[in-house]
């Protein structure tokens, strides 16, 4: 016999559906259970686009996603948003008719780009599309990584990893330098000791072994996990369990360069 859901769960579900509750943080642990706060307690009096209907809201969000990805297509947006592809396609038609996006062919496949950015493809020398040295560490759950076909097409990069794993599961962070993925590493923050552990690092090109930008990005990631007590937190919220309340930076430890044979993800360049 199927038991009815607990009343508290029904209440939370309804509050979330009505957007009275907002996710304000995550608990520690593998599944990062969400923490909620009443929207009225955040302190924002007027929410932008509060009077927008469902279709206009979807068109607005999809247009923003197309802008953020640069070049994308309906199936990719469907994977990101969870909206079925059949429901996403009409919004691409609508945005194209409104002149907000333009089609662009990559190989044999049709993609879309925001019309305001079309000039970057047609006039690369004026658009400044040269590769930069900016470094980003990308989580495997980041929306940039969700569509493997899209990732392989535009970055020539792919990976697989086992998400549901017991204690000791590995969480590879991909290293993006400019518009090129150069490797990945597995890390862990030990809250009780204050050590930021780099358990494994794999770089595809030896030229990046001592790349200062990558080292700074790792140091910034470690420093991010320790903030002064209650800094930048809404009133009434406390820090997550086991999180240090001091402002001292964590210690980098356990860094080890691997040859890729014992990889945390089956990554390909």
C-alpha atoms as a PDB file:
ATOM      1  CA  UNK A   1       0.000   0.000   0.000  1.00  0.00           C
ATOM      2  CA  UNK A   2       1.345   3.403  -0.970  1.00  0.00           C
ATOM      3  CA  UNK A   3       1.387   5.786   1.980  1.00  0.00           C
ATOM      4  CA  UNK A   4       0.346   9.408   1.457  1.00  0.00           C
ATOM      5  CA  UNK A   5       3.123  12.014   1.677  1.00  0.00           C
ATOM      6  CA  UNK A   6       3.794  13.629   5.023  1.00  0.00           C
ATOM      7  CA  UNK A   7       1.795  16.890   5.472  1.00  0.00           C
ATOM      8  CA  UNK A   8       5.008  18.871   5.943  1.00  0.00           C
ATOM      9  CA  UNK A   9       6.278  17.665   2.544  1.00  0.00           C
ATOM     10  CA  UNK A  10       2.983  18.657   0.890  1.00  0.00           C
ATOM     11  CA  UNK A  11       3.243  22.087   2.492  1.00  0.00           C
ATOM     12  CA  UNK A  12       6.829  22.569   1.257  1.00  0.00           C
ATOM     13  CA  UNK A  13       5.860  21.391  -2.225  1.00  0.00           C
ATOM     14  CA  UNK A  14       2.993  23.863  -2.447  1.00  0.00           C
ATOM     15  CA  UNK A  15       5.109  26.735  -1.117  1.00  0.00           C
ATOM     16  CA  UNK A  16       7.811  25.938  -3.688  1.00  0.00           C
ATOM     17  CA  UNK A  17       5.255  25.733  -6.494  1.00  0.00           C
ATOM     18  CA  UNK A  18       3.847  29.111  -5.481  1.00  0.00           C
ATOM     19  CA  UNK A  19       7.433  30.481  -5.187  1.00  0.00           C
ATOM     20  CA  UNK A  20       6.815  31.519  -1.577  1.00  0.00           C
ATOM     21  CA  UNK A  21       9.927  29.525  -0.639  1.00  0.00           C
ATOM     22  CA  UNK A  22      13.380  30.181  -2.110  1.00  0.00           C
ATOM     23  CA  UNK A  23      16.439  27.905  -1.918  1.00  0.00           C
ATOM     24  CA  UNK A  24      19.075  29.807   0.068  1.00  0.00           C
ATOM     25  CA  UNK A  25      21.763  27.174   0.628  1.00  0.00           C
ATOM     26  CA  UNK A  26      22.690  23.500   0.770  1.00  0.00           C
ATOM     27  CA  UNK A  27      23.467  21.090   3.593  1.00  0.00           C
ATOM     28  CA  UNK A  28      26.799  19.311   3.698  1.00  0.00           C
ATOM     29  CA  UNK A  29      26.900  15.770   2.319  1.00  0.00           C
ATOM     30  CA  UNK A  30      26.678  13.893  -0.948  1.00  0.00           C
ATOM     31  CA  UNK A  31      23.200  15.021  -1.937  1.00  0.00           C
ATOM     32  CA  UNK A  32      23.377  18.601  -0.629  1.00  0.00           C
ATOM     33  CA  UNK A  33      19.815  18.808   0.675  1.00  0.00           C
ATOM     34  CA  UNK A  34      18.447  22.330   0.110  1.00  0.00           C
ATOM     35  CA  UNK A  35      17.852  24.937   2.791  1.00  0.00           C
ATOM     36  CA  UNK A  36      14.830  27.187   2.326  1.00  0.00           C
ATOM     37  CA  UNK A  37      13.858  30.705   3.286  1.00  0.00           C
ATOM     38  CA  UNK A  38      10.548  32.527   2.863  1.00  0.00           C
ATOM     39  CA  UNK A  39      10.791  34.912  -0.060  1.00  0.00           C
ATOM     40  CA  UNK A  40       9.320  37.676   2.063  1.00  0.00           C
ATOM     41  CA  UNK A  41      12.275  37.397   4.481  1.00  0.00           C
ATOM     42  CA  UNK A  42      14.936  38.052   1.852  1.00  0.00           C
ATOM     43  CA  UNK A  43      14.206  41.763   1.854  1.00  0.00           C
ATOM     44  CA  UNK A  44      13.439  42.204  -1.870  1.00  0.00           C
ATOM     45  CA  UNK A  45      10.258  44.255  -2.118  1.00  0.00           C
ATOM     46  CA  UNK A  46       9.674  44.045  -5.866  1.00  0.00           C
ATOM     47  CA  UNK A  47      10.744  40.967  -7.833  1.00  0.00           C
ATOM     48  CA  UNK A  48      11.652  41.582 -11.485  1.00  0.00           C
ATOM     49  CA  UNK A  49       9.184  40.292 -14.089  1.00  0.00           C
ATOM     50  CA  UNK A  50       6.731  39.231 -11.363  1.00  0.00           C
ATOM     51  CA  UNK A  51       3.766  39.872 -13.673  1.00  0.00           C
ATOM     52  CA  UNK A  52       5.111  37.789 -16.569  1.00  0.00           C
ATOM     53  CA  UNK A  53       3.024  34.817 -17.732  1.00  0.00           C
ATOM     54  CA  UNK A  54       4.454  31.305 -18.145  1.00  0.00           C
ATOM     55  CA  UNK A  55       5.207  31.466 -21.878  1.00  0.00           C
ATOM     56  CA  UNK A  56       6.833  34.894 -21.674  1.00  0.00           C
ATOM     57  CA  UNK A  57       8.897  33.711 -18.709  1.00  0.00           C
ATOM     58  CA  UNK A  58      10.107  30.653 -20.625  1.00  0.00           C
ATOM     59  CA  UNK A  59      10.977  32.759 -23.658  1.00  0.00           C
ATOM     60  CA  UNK A  60      12.898  35.170 -21.422  1.00  0.00           C
ATOM     61  CA  UNK A  61      14.874  32.373 -19.706  1.00  0.00           C
ATOM     62  CA  UNK A  62      15.643  30.529 -22.956  1.00  0.00           C
ATOM     63  CA  UNK A  63      16.836  33.772 -24.553  1.00  0.00           C
ATOM     64  CA  UNK A  64      19.148  34.351 -21.569  1.00  0.00           C
ATOM     65  CA  UNK A  65      20.492  30.788 -21.797  1.00  0.00           C
ATOM     66  CA  UNK A  66      21.210  31.177 -25.526  1.00  0.00           C
ATOM     67  CA  UNK A  67      23.122  34.373 -24.721  1.00  0.00           C
ATOM     68  CA  UNK A  68      25.138  32.675 -21.969  1.00  0.00           C
ATOM     69  CA  UNK A  69      26.139  29.678 -24.087  1.00  0.00           C
ATOM     70  CA  UNK A  70      26.901  31.710 -27.215  1.00  0.00           C
ATOM     71  CA  UNK A  71      25.963  28.891 -29.590  1.00  0.00           C
ATOM     72  CA  UNK A  72      23.355  26.278 -28.673  1.00  0.00           C
ATOM     73  CA  UNK A  73      20.314  24.363 -29.956  1.00  0.00           C
ATOM     74  CA  UNK A  74      16.893  23.189 -28.643  1.00  0.00           C
ATOM     75  CA  UNK A  75      17.952  19.731 -27.388  1.00  0.00           C
ATOM     76  CA  UNK A  76      20.795  21.303 -25.394  1.00  0.00           C
ATOM     77  CA  UNK A  77      18.421  23.827 -23.794  1.00  0.00           C
ATOM     78  CA  UNK A  78      15.969  21.006 -23.069  1.00  0.00           C
ATOM     79  CA  UNK A  79      18.695  19.123 -21.165  1.00  0.00           C
ATOM     80  CA  UNK A  80      19.524  22.239 -19.164  1.00  0.00           C
ATOM     81  CA  UNK A  81      15.995  23.308 -18.256  1.00  0.00           C
ATOM     82  CA  UNK A  82      14.177  19.987 -18.079  1.00  0.00           C
ATOM     83  CA  UNK A  83      11.544  21.327 -20.491  1.00  0.00           C
ATOM     84  CA  UNK A  84      10.733  18.724 -23.215  1.00  0.00           C
ATOM     85  CA  UNK A  85      12.394  19.454 -26.558  1.00  0.00           C
ATOM     86  CA  UNK A  86       8.998  19.585 -28.290  1.00  0.00           C
ATOM     87  CA  UNK A  87       8.044  22.467 -25.974  1.00  0.00           C
ATOM     88  CA  UNK A  88      11.398  24.240 -26.352  1.00  0.00           C
ATOM     89  CA  UNK A  89      11.406  24.355 -30.176  1.00  0.00           C
ATOM     90  CA  UNK A  90       8.448  26.804 -30.488  1.00  0.00           C
ATOM     91  CA  UNK A  91      10.356  29.303 -28.341  1.00  0.00           C
ATOM     92  CA  UNK A  92      13.333  29.114 -30.697  1.00  0.00           C
ATOM     93  CA  UNK A  93      10.922  29.845 -33.573  1.00  0.00           C
ATOM     94  CA  UNK A  94       9.413  32.741 -31.622  1.00  0.00           C
ATOM     95  CA  UNK A  95      12.788  34.242 -30.693  1.00  0.00           C
ATOM     96  CA  UNK A  96      14.001  33.929 -34.292  1.00  0.00           C
ATOM     97  CA  UNK A  97      10.842  35.636 -35.577  1.00  0.00           C
ATOM     98  CA  UNK A  98      11.384  38.428 -33.055  1.00  0.00           C
ATOM     99  CA  UNK A  99      14.931  38.847 -34.384  1.00  0.00           C
ATOM    100  CA  UNK A 100      16.531  37.974 -31.044  1.00  0.00           C
ATOM    101  CA  UNK A 101      18.369  34.849 -32.256  1.00  0.00           C
ATOM    102  CA  UNK A 102      19.826  33.741 -35.591  1.00  0.00           C
ATOM    103  CA  UNK A 103      20.559  30.271 -37.013  1.00  0.00           C
ATOM    104  CA  UNK A 104      24.164  29.254 -37.647  1.00  0.00           C
ATOM    105  CA  UNK A 105      25.328  26.018 -39.262  1.00  0.00           C
ATOM    106  CA  UNK A 106      28.136  24.041 -37.631  1.00  0.00           C
ATOM    107  CA  UNK A 107      29.048  21.103 -39.853  1.00  0.00           C
ATOM    108  CA  UNK A 108      25.738  19.551 -40.866  1.00  0.00           C
ATOM    109  CA  UNK A 109      23.854  20.670 -37.767  1.00  0.00           C
ATOM    110  CA  UNK A 110      21.860  23.852 -37.194  1.00  0.00           C
ATOM    111  CA  UNK A 111      22.588  25.848 -34.041  1.00  0.00           C
ATOM    112  CA  UNK A 112      21.473  29.273 -32.832  1.00  0.00           C
ATOM    113  CA  UNK A 113      23.236  32.386 -31.601  1.00  0.00           C
ATOM    114  CA  UNK A 114      21.929  35.681 -30.267  1.00  0.00           C
ATOM    115  CA  UNK A 115      21.564  38.094 -33.173  1.00  0.00           C
ATOM    116  CA  UNK A 116      23.606  40.731 -31.339  1.00  0.00           C
ATOM    117  CA  UNK A 117      26.561  38.310 -31.276  1.00  0.00           C
ATOM    118  CA  UNK A 118      26.338  37.192 -34.904  1.00  0.00           C
ATOM    119  CA  UNK A 119      29.023  39.707 -35.868  1.00  0.00           C
ATOM    120  CA  UNK A 120      31.523  37.818 -33.693  1.00  0.00           C
ATOM    121  CA  UNK A 121      31.280  34.881 -36.102  1.00  0.00           C
ATOM    122  CA  UNK A 122      31.279  36.948 -39.275  1.00  0.00           C
ATOM    123  CA  UNK A 123      34.096  39.330 -38.301  1.00  0.00           C
ATOM    124  CA  UNK A 124      36.398  37.484 -35.878  1.00  0.00           C
ATOM    125  CA  UNK A 125      39.215  39.993 -36.273  1.00  0.00           C
ATOM    126  CA  UNK A 126      36.960  42.759 -34.908  1.00  0.00           C
ATOM    127  CA  UNK A 127      35.201  40.586 -32.365  1.00  0.00           C
ATOM    128  CA  UNK A 128      38.344  39.776 -30.416  1.00  0.00           C
ATOM    129  CA  UNK A 129      37.713  36.023 -30.395  1.00  0.00           C
ATOM    130  CA  UNK A 130      41.326  35.057 -29.750  1.00  0.00           C
ATOM    131  CA  UNK A 131      41.969  32.539 -26.989  1.00  0.00           C
ATOM    132  CA  UNK A 132      42.508  34.129 -23.574  1.00  0.00           C
ATOM    133  CA  UNK A 133      44.329  32.832 -20.521  1.00  0.00           C
ATOM    134  CA  UNK A 134      41.361  33.171 -18.150  1.00  0.00           C
ATOM    135  CA  UNK A 135      41.021  30.049 -15.977  1.00  0.00           C
ATOM    136  CA  UNK A 136      37.755  28.515 -14.797  1.00  0.00           C
ATOM    137  CA  UNK A 137      37.181  25.345 -12.750  1.00  0.00           C
ATOM    138  CA  UNK A 138      33.998  23.669 -13.991  1.00  0.00           C
ATOM    139  CA  UNK A 139      31.885  21.265 -11.911  1.00  0.00           C
ATOM    140  CA  UNK A 140      30.576  18.129 -13.700  1.00  0.00           C
ATOM    141  CA  UNK A 141      27.062  19.268 -12.789  1.00  0.00           C
ATOM    142  CA  UNK A 142      27.547  22.723 -14.316  1.00  0.00           C
ATOM    143  CA  UNK A 143      25.087  23.464 -17.124  1.00  0.00           C
ATOM    144  CA  UNK A 144      28.051  23.928 -19.474  1.00  0.00           C
ATOM    145  CA  UNK A 145      28.794  20.196 -19.128  1.00  0.00           C
ATOM    146  CA  UNK A 146      25.306  18.732 -19.287  1.00  0.00           C
ATOM    147  CA  UNK A 147      25.092  17.970 -23.028  1.00  0.00           C
ATOM    148  CA  UNK A 148      27.998  15.742 -24.044  1.00  0.00           C
ATOM    149  CA  UNK A 149      27.374  16.143 -27.790  1.00  0.00           C
ATOM    150  CA  UNK A 150      27.421  19.934 -27.465  1.00  0.00           C
ATOM    151  CA  UNK A 151      30.552  19.781 -25.299  1.00  0.00           C
ATOM    152  CA  UNK A 152      32.384  17.535 -27.774  1.00  0.00           C
ATOM    153  CA  UNK A 153      31.323  19.659 -30.781  1.00  0.00           C
ATOM    154  CA  UNK A 154      32.430  23.037 -29.433  1.00  0.00           C
ATOM    155  CA  UNK A 155      35.252  22.126 -27.054  1.00  0.00           C
ATOM    156  CA  UNK A 156      36.465  18.742 -28.363  1.00  0.00           C
ATOM    157  CA  UNK A 157      36.156  17.510 -24.782  1.00  0.00           C
ATOM    158  CA  UNK A 158      34.226  14.664 -23.196  1.00  0.00           C
ATOM    159  CA  UNK A 159      34.181  12.786 -19.910  1.00  0.00           C
ATOM    160  CA  UNK A 160      32.259  10.230 -17.869  1.00  0.00           C
ATOM    161  CA  UNK A 161      32.129   9.731 -14.127  1.00  0.00           C
ATOM    162  CA  UNK A 162      30.045   7.785 -11.636  1.00  0.00           C
ATOM    163  CA  UNK A 163      27.882  10.186  -9.648  1.00  0.00           C
ATOM    164  CA  UNK A 164      26.115   7.813  -7.252  1.00  0.00           C
ATOM    165  CA  UNK A 165      28.922   6.287  -5.263  1.00  0.00           C
ATOM    166  CA  UNK A 166      29.418   5.484  -1.603  1.00  0.00           C
ATOM    167  CA  UNK A 167      31.868   7.174   0.740  1.00  0.00           C
ATOM    168  CA  UNK A 168      34.969   8.398  -1.058  1.00  0.00           C
ATOM    169  CA  UNK A 169      33.272   9.191  -4.365  1.00  0.00           C
ATOM    170  CA  UNK A 170      35.345  11.367  -6.669  1.00  0.00           C
ATOM    171  CA  UNK A 171      34.188  14.716  -8.022  1.00  0.00           C
ATOM    172  CA  UNK A 172      36.272  15.872 -11.029  1.00  0.00           C
ATOM    173  CA  UNK A 173      36.553  19.606 -11.697  1.00  0.00           C
ATOM    174  CA  UNK A 174      37.425  20.321 -15.332  1.00  0.00           C
ATOM    175  CA  UNK A 175      40.008  23.052 -15.980  1.00  0.00           C
ATOM    176  CA  UNK A 176      39.007  25.545 -18.674  1.00  0.00           C
ATOM    177  CA  UNK A 177      41.747  27.925 -19.834  1.00  0.00           C
ATOM    178  CA  UNK A 178      40.294  30.493 -22.219  1.00  0.00           C
ATOM    179  CA  UNK A 179      38.083  28.373 -24.460  1.00  0.00           C
ATOM    180  CA  UNK A 180      40.119  25.154 -24.131  1.00  0.00           C
ATOM    181  CA  UNK A 181      39.778  22.341 -21.588  1.00  0.00           C
ATOM    182  CA  UNK A 182      43.292  21.389 -20.486  1.00  0.00           C
ATOM    183  CA  UNK A 183      42.582  18.775 -17.785  1.00  0.00           C
ATOM    184  CA  UNK A 184      40.786  18.061 -14.516  1.00  0.00           C
ATOM    185  CA  UNK A 185      41.444  17.352 -10.844  1.00  0.00           C
ATOM    186  CA  UNK A 186      39.728  15.745  -7.856  1.00  0.00           C
ATOM    187  CA  UNK A 187      39.583  17.699  -4.599  1.00  0.00           C
ATOM    188  CA  UNK A 188      38.058  17.574  -1.150  1.00  0.00           C
ATOM    189  CA  UNK A 189      37.685  20.081   1.701  1.00  0.00           C
ATOM    190  CA  UNK A 190      38.413  18.695   5.179  1.00  0.00           C
ATOM    191  CA  UNK A 191      36.488  21.082   7.427  1.00  0.00           C
ATOM    192  CA  UNK A 192      37.891  19.849  10.738  1.00  0.00           C
ATOM    193  CA  UNK A 193      41.555  20.236   9.735  1.00  0.00           C
ATOM    194  CA  UNK A 194      41.123  23.187   7.375  1.00  0.00           C
ATOM    195  CA  UNK A 195      43.006  21.323   4.627  1.00  0.00           C
ATOM    196  CA  UNK A 196      41.949  21.624   0.993  1.00  0.00           C
ATOM    197  CA  UNK A 197      43.005  18.253  -0.459  1.00  0.00           C
ATOM    198  CA  UNK A 198      43.926  17.778  -4.117  1.00  0.00           C
ATOM    199  CA  UNK A 199      43.720  14.008  -4.437  1.00  0.00           C
ATOM    200  CA  UNK A 200      44.492  13.785  -8.143  1.00  0.00           C
ATOM    201  CA  UNK A 201      45.386  16.147 -10.967  1.00  0.00           C
ATOM    202  CA  UNK A 202      45.514  15.305 -14.648  1.00  0.00           C
ATOM    203  CA  UNK A 203      46.689  17.762 -17.327  1.00  0.00           C
ATOM    204  CA  UNK A 204      46.614  16.862 -21.010  1.00  0.00           C
ATOM    205  CA  UNK A 205      49.436  19.209 -22.028  1.00  0.00           C
ATOM    206  CA  UNK A 206      52.713  19.459 -20.084  1.00  0.00           C
ATOM    207  CA  UNK A 207      52.865  23.157 -21.001  1.00  0.00           C
ATOM    208  CA  UNK A 208      50.186  23.731 -18.330  1.00  0.00           C
ATOM    209  CA  UNK A 209      51.973  21.808 -15.542  1.00  0.00           C
ATOM    210  CA  UNK A 210      53.162  25.025 -13.879  1.00  0.00           C
ATOM    211  CA  UNK A 211      50.472  27.366 -15.200  1.00  0.00           C
ATOM    212  CA  UNK A 212      50.161  30.170 -12.638  1.00  0.00           C
ATOM    213  CA  UNK A 213      46.540  30.879 -13.548  1.00  0.00           C
ATOM    214  CA  UNK A 214      45.528  27.301 -12.698  1.00  0.00           C
ATOM    215  CA  UNK A 215      47.334  27.456  -9.364  1.00  0.00           C
ATOM    216  CA  UNK A 216      45.637  30.781  -8.518  1.00  0.00           C
ATOM    217  CA  UNK A 217      42.221  29.360  -9.454  1.00  0.00           C
ATOM    218  CA  UNK A 218      42.770  26.393  -7.126  1.00  0.00           C
ATOM    219  CA  UNK A 219      43.906  28.703  -4.313  1.00  0.00           C
ATOM    220  CA  UNK A 220      40.832  30.906  -4.857  1.00  0.00           C
ATOM    221  CA  UNK A 221      38.575  27.836  -4.730  1.00  0.00           C
ATOM    222  CA  UNK A 222      40.155  26.759  -1.438  1.00  0.00           C
ATOM    223  CA  UNK A 223      39.873  30.262   0.043  1.00  0.00           C
ATOM    224  CA  UNK A 224      36.208  30.483  -1.021  1.00  0.00           C
ATOM    225  CA  UNK A 225      35.254  27.673   1.344  1.00  0.00           C
ATOM    226  CA  UNK A 226      36.287  29.601   4.437  1.00  0.00           C
ATOM    227  CA  UNK A 227      34.644  32.982   5.074  1.00  0.00           C
ATOM    228  CA  UNK A 228      34.291  35.118   8.196  1.00  0.00           C
ATOM    229  CA  UNK A 229      31.383  33.972  10.354  1.00  0.00           C
ATOM    230  CA  UNK A 230      27.968  34.711   8.803  1.00  0.00           C
ATOM    231  CA  UNK A 231      29.459  36.919   6.071  1.00  0.00           C
ATOM    232  CA  UNK A 232      27.083  37.567   3.154  1.00  0.00           C
ATOM    233  CA  UNK A 233      24.330  35.448   4.679  1.00  0.00           C
ATOM    234  CA  UNK A 234      20.669  36.511   4.981  1.00  0.00           C
ATOM    235  CA  UNK A 235      19.514  37.519   8.435  1.00  0.00           C
ATOM    236  CA  UNK A 236      18.475  34.566  10.537  1.00  0.00           C
ATOM    237  CA  UNK A 237      20.680  32.015   8.737  1.00  0.00           C
ATOM    238  CA  UNK A 238      23.714  30.338  10.272  1.00  0.00           C
ATOM    239  CA  UNK A 239      26.701  28.595   8.717  1.00  0.00           C
ATOM    240  CA  UNK A 240      26.446  24.983   7.648  1.00  0.00           C
ATOM    241  CA  UNK A 241      27.431  22.316  10.191  1.00  0.00           C
ATOM    242  CA  UNK A 242      31.179  21.720  10.591  1.00  0.00           C
ATOM    243  CA  UNK A 243      32.064  24.855   8.608  1.00  0.00           C
ATOM    244  CA  UNK A 244      34.844  26.848  10.297  1.00  0.00           C
ATOM    245  CA  UNK A 245      33.782  30.283  11.511  1.00  0.00           C
ATOM    246  CA  UNK A 246      37.232  31.799  11.209  1.00  0.00           C
ATOM    247  CA  UNK A 247      38.530  33.906   8.378  1.00  0.00           C
ATOM    248  CA  UNK A 248      41.847  32.073   8.072  1.00  0.00           C
ATOM    249  CA  UNK A 249      42.413  30.431   4.695  1.00  0.00           C
ATOM    250  CA  UNK A 250      42.507  26.644   4.393  1.00  0.00           C
ATOM    251  CA  UNK A 251      45.748  24.823   3.727  1.00  0.00           C
ATOM    252  CA  UNK A 252      46.480  23.308   0.319  1.00  0.00           C
ATOM    253  CA  UNK A 253      47.627  19.741   0.807  1.00  0.00           C
ATOM    254  CA  UNK A 254      47.918  16.405  -0.910  1.00  0.00           C
ATOM    255  CA  UNK A 255      48.580  17.761  -4.423  1.00  0.00           C
ATOM    256  CA  UNK A 256      49.675  14.941  -6.681  1.00  0.00           C
ATOM    257  CA  UNK A 257      50.191  14.850 -10.440  1.00  0.00           C
ATOM    258  CA  UNK A 258      49.001  11.656 -12.088  1.00  0.00           C
ATOM    259  CA  UNK A 259      49.710  10.289 -15.547  1.00  0.00           C
ATOM    260  CA  UNK A 260      46.038   9.729 -16.300  1.00  0.00           C
ATOM    261  CA  UNK A 261      46.024   5.913 -16.053  1.00  0.00           C
ATOM    262  CA  UNK A 262      44.162   6.089 -12.732  1.00  0.00           C
ATOM    263  CA  UNK A 263      41.862   8.864 -13.821  1.00  0.00           C
ATOM    264  CA  UNK A 264      38.931  10.088 -11.788  1.00  0.00           C
ATOM    265  CA  UNK A 265      37.037  10.575 -15.032  1.00  0.00           C
ATOM    266  CA  UNK A 266      37.516   9.041 -18.429  1.00  0.00           C
ATOM    267  CA  UNK A 267      38.269  12.382 -20.036  1.00  0.00           C
ATOM    268  CA  UNK A 268      39.296  12.801 -23.632  1.00  0.00           C
ATOM    269  CA  UNK A 269      40.957  15.716 -25.291  1.00  0.00           C
END
